[in-house]
Amino acid sequence: MRAVTLSADVSNVEHVIVDGEFSKRDVRLLADLAKAISAVQDSRDYLVQAAAAAKSLAQAAVDAEALEEAEGAQLEGPVQ
């Protein structure tokens, strides 16, 4: 039985029922591809926006630290 399991792939599955509804029937995928593509694109857009926001926060922290260092150097005066 193990050899059969290791040799199987998705084409060997005739029917898939998820939550009482067919996702695959008679070897045909019944998924709404437009909906799946839209969900992937929405996820991508969210991740791009989240990464941009994180980058902005990180840059603001670096800028604030540099400003504090510059202000501290001005208060101390020239190094002798």
Protein backbone atom coordinates (compact mmCIF):
# COMPACT_ATOMS: atom_id res chain seq x y z
CA MET A 1 0.00 0.00 0.00
CA ARG A 2 2.86 2.38 0.73
CA ALA A 3 4.12 2.31 -2.89
CA VAL A 4 0.69 3.35 -4.14
CA THR A 5 0.58 6.26 -1.71
CA LEU A 6 4.05 7.48 -2.70
CA SER A 7 3.20 7.25 -6.40
CA ALA A 8 -0.12 9.10 -6.19
CA ASP A 9 -0.62 12.74 -7.19
CA VAL A 10 -3.53 15.17 -7.57
CA SER A 11 -4.68 13.52 -10.78
CA ASN A 12 -5.51 10.38 -8.77
CA VAL A 13 -8.14 12.24 -6.73
CA GLU A 14 -11.62 12.11 -8.25
CA HIS A 15 -13.68 14.01 -5.67
CA VAL A 16 -12.95 16.45 -2.86
CA ILE A 17 -15.69 17.59 -0.50
CA VAL A 18 -14.99 20.51 1.83
CA ASP A 19 -17.56 21.68 4.32
CA GLY A 20 -20.23 19.61 2.57
CA GLU A 21 -19.57 21.04 -0.91
CA PHE A 22 -17.58 19.67 -3.83
CA SER A 23 -14.27 21.41 -4.48
CA LYS A 24 -13.32 18.80 -7.05
CA ARG A 25 -15.77 16.51 -8.81
CA ASP A 26 -15.07 13.92 -11.49
CA VAL A 27 -11.41 15.04 -11.51
CA ARG A 28 -12.43 18.66 -12.37
CA LEU A 29 -11.52 21.50 -10.03
CA LEU A 30 -14.62 23.54 -9.24
CA ALA A 31 -12.82 26.52 -7.68
CA ASP A 32 -13.71 30.09 -8.54
CA LEU A 33 -10.37 31.11 -10.04
CA ALA A 34 -11.31 34.78 -10.36
CA LYS A 35 -12.08 34.88 -6.63
CA ALA A 36 -8.81 33.11 -5.78
CA ILE A 37 -6.78 35.48 -7.97
CA SER A 38 -8.50 38.47 -6.40
CA ALA A 39 -7.73 37.19 -2.90
CA VAL A 40 -4.05 36.70 -3.79
CA GLN A 41 -3.83 40.21 -5.28
CA ASP A 42 -5.51 41.74 -2.22
CA SER A 43 -3.06 39.90 0.02
CA ARG A 44 -0.12 41.11 -2.08
CA ASP A 45 -1.36 44.72 -1.91
CA TYR A 46 -1.74 44.49 1.87
CA LEU A 47 1.78 43.11 2.28
CA VAL A 48 3.29 45.82 0.06
CA GLN A 49 1.51 48.54 2.05
CA ALA A 50 2.52 46.98 5.38
CA ALA A 51 6.16 46.75 4.25
CA ALA A 52 6.13 50.38 3.12
CA ALA A 53 4.67 51.48 6.47
CA ALA A 54 7.29 49.46 8.38
CA LYS A 55 10.04 50.97 6.25
CA SER A 56 8.73 54.48 6.94
CA LEU A 57 8.65 53.82 10.70
CA ALA A 58 12.17 52.42 10.65
CA GLN A 59 13.45 55.40 8.67
CA ALA A 60 11.73 57.81 11.07
CA ALA A 61 13.45 56.08 14.00
CA VAL A 62 16.85 56.34 12.29
CA ASP A 63 16.21 60.01 11.46
CA ALA A 64 15.16 60.76 15.07
CA GLU A 65 18.28 59.08 16.41
CA ALA A 66 20.51 61.03 14.02
CA LEU A 67 18.79 64.27 15.02
CA GLU A 68 19.33 63.53 18.72
CA GLU A 69 23.01 62.83 18.08
CA ALA A 70 23.40 66.05 16.09
CA GLU A 71 21.66 68.11 18.77
CA GLY A 72 23.82 66.47 21.47
CA ALA A 73 26.98 67.31 19.53
CA GLN A 74 25.91 70.97 19.22
CA LEU A 75 25.27 71.23 22.96
CA GLU A 76 28.66 69.77 23.84
CA GLY A 77 30.53 72.16 21.59
CA PRO A 78 33.64 71.39 19.58
CA VAL A 79 35.80 68.50 20.69
CA GLN A 80 39.31 69.61 21.77
